[in-house]
Amino acid sequence: MPFGVGRRICPGLGLPMLHLEYFIANLIWCFEWKAVDGGEVDLSERHEFTVVMKNPLKAHVCPRVR
């Protein structure tokens, strides 16, 4: 947990979370995302230290034409 949990949580947690949301939104807005093989994305998961994708996502990213 990079920002801590409970009583010892980082008081500045809101700022990086806000920037992370803007960063992800810009990635989605500015680029066109497609699966590499042109098929569907498999969202099945498996448990390791955290929950991860069973089959890693392979994406082709190209700039969105405006």
Protein backbone atom coordinates (compact mmCIF):
# COMPACT_ATOMS: atom_id res chain seq x y z
CA MET A 1 0.00 0.00 0.00
CA PRO A 2 2.00 3.00 -1.20
CA PHE A 3 -0.10 5.57 0.66
CA GLY A 4 -0.73 3.62 3.84
CA VAL A 5 -3.99 2.53 5.39
CA GLY A 6 -6.09 3.54 8.37
CA ARG A 7 -4.77 6.10 10.83
CA ARG A 8 -1.42 6.37 9.05
CA ILE A 9 -2.82 7.11 5.61
CA CYS A 10 -1.02 9.80 3.63
CA PRO A 11 -2.79 13.16 3.97
CA GLY A 12 -1.87 14.02 0.37
CA LEU A 13 -3.54 10.94 -1.13
CA GLY A 14 -6.22 12.95 -2.97
CA LEU A 15 -3.75 14.84 -5.17
CA PRO A 16 -2.02 11.85 -6.84
CA MET A 17 -5.36 10.06 -7.23
CA LEU A 18 -6.78 13.09 -9.04
CA HIS A 19 -3.74 13.23 -11.35
CA LEU A 20 -4.00 9.50 -11.99
CA GLU A 21 -7.66 9.86 -13.03
CA TYR A 22 -6.78 12.67 -15.47
CA PHE A 23 -3.85 10.64 -16.85
CA ILE A 24 -6.01 7.57 -17.53
CA ALA A 25 -8.82 9.71 -19.00
CA ASN A 26 -6.34 11.36 -21.40
CA LEU A 27 -4.95 7.98 -22.47
CA ILE A 28 -8.45 6.78 -23.31
CA TRP A 29 -9.42 10.04 -25.04
CA CYS A 30 -6.24 10.59 -27.10
CA PHE A 31 -5.58 7.04 -28.30
CA GLU A 32 -7.50 4.30 -30.07
CA TRP A 33 -7.18 0.96 -28.24
CA LYS A 34 -7.59 -2.40 -30.01
CA ALA A 35 -6.75 -5.98 -29.07
CA VAL A 36 -3.63 -7.18 -30.93
CA ASP A 37 -5.24 -10.22 -32.52
CA GLY A 38 -8.48 -8.34 -33.23
CA GLY A 39 -10.46 -10.59 -30.89
CA GLU A 40 -12.24 -9.98 -27.64
CA VAL A 41 -10.41 -9.02 -24.46
CA ASP A 42 -10.46 -11.82 -21.88
CA LEU A 43 -11.26 -10.31 -18.46
CA SER A 44 -10.88 -13.54 -16.47
CA GLU A 45 -8.66 -13.21 -13.42
CA ARG A 46 -6.45 -15.23 -11.09
CA HIS A 47 -5.27 -14.65 -7.55
CA GLU A 48 -1.60 -14.00 -6.84
CA PHE A 49 -0.50 -11.40 -4.27
CA THR A 50 -3.30 -9.34 -5.79
CA VAL A 51 -5.90 -10.15 -8.43
CA VAL A 52 -4.34 -10.10 -11.92
CA MET A 53 -5.57 -10.88 -15.42
CA LYS A 54 -5.36 -14.57 -16.30
CA ASN A 55 -4.22 -13.70 -19.82
CA PRO A 56 -2.21 -10.45 -19.94
CA LEU A 57 -3.71 -7.68 -22.05
CA LYS A 58 -1.96 -7.12 -25.37
CA ALA A 59 -3.16 -3.94 -27.02
CA HIS A 60 -2.38 -2.01 -30.17
CA VAL A 61 -2.44 1.71 -29.39
CA CYS A 62 -2.53 4.36 -32.11
CA PRO A 63 -3.23 8.10 -31.96
CA ARG A 64 -6.89 8.99 -32.40
CA VAL A 65 -7.62 10.96 -35.59
CA ARG A 66 -9.51 14.11 -34.79
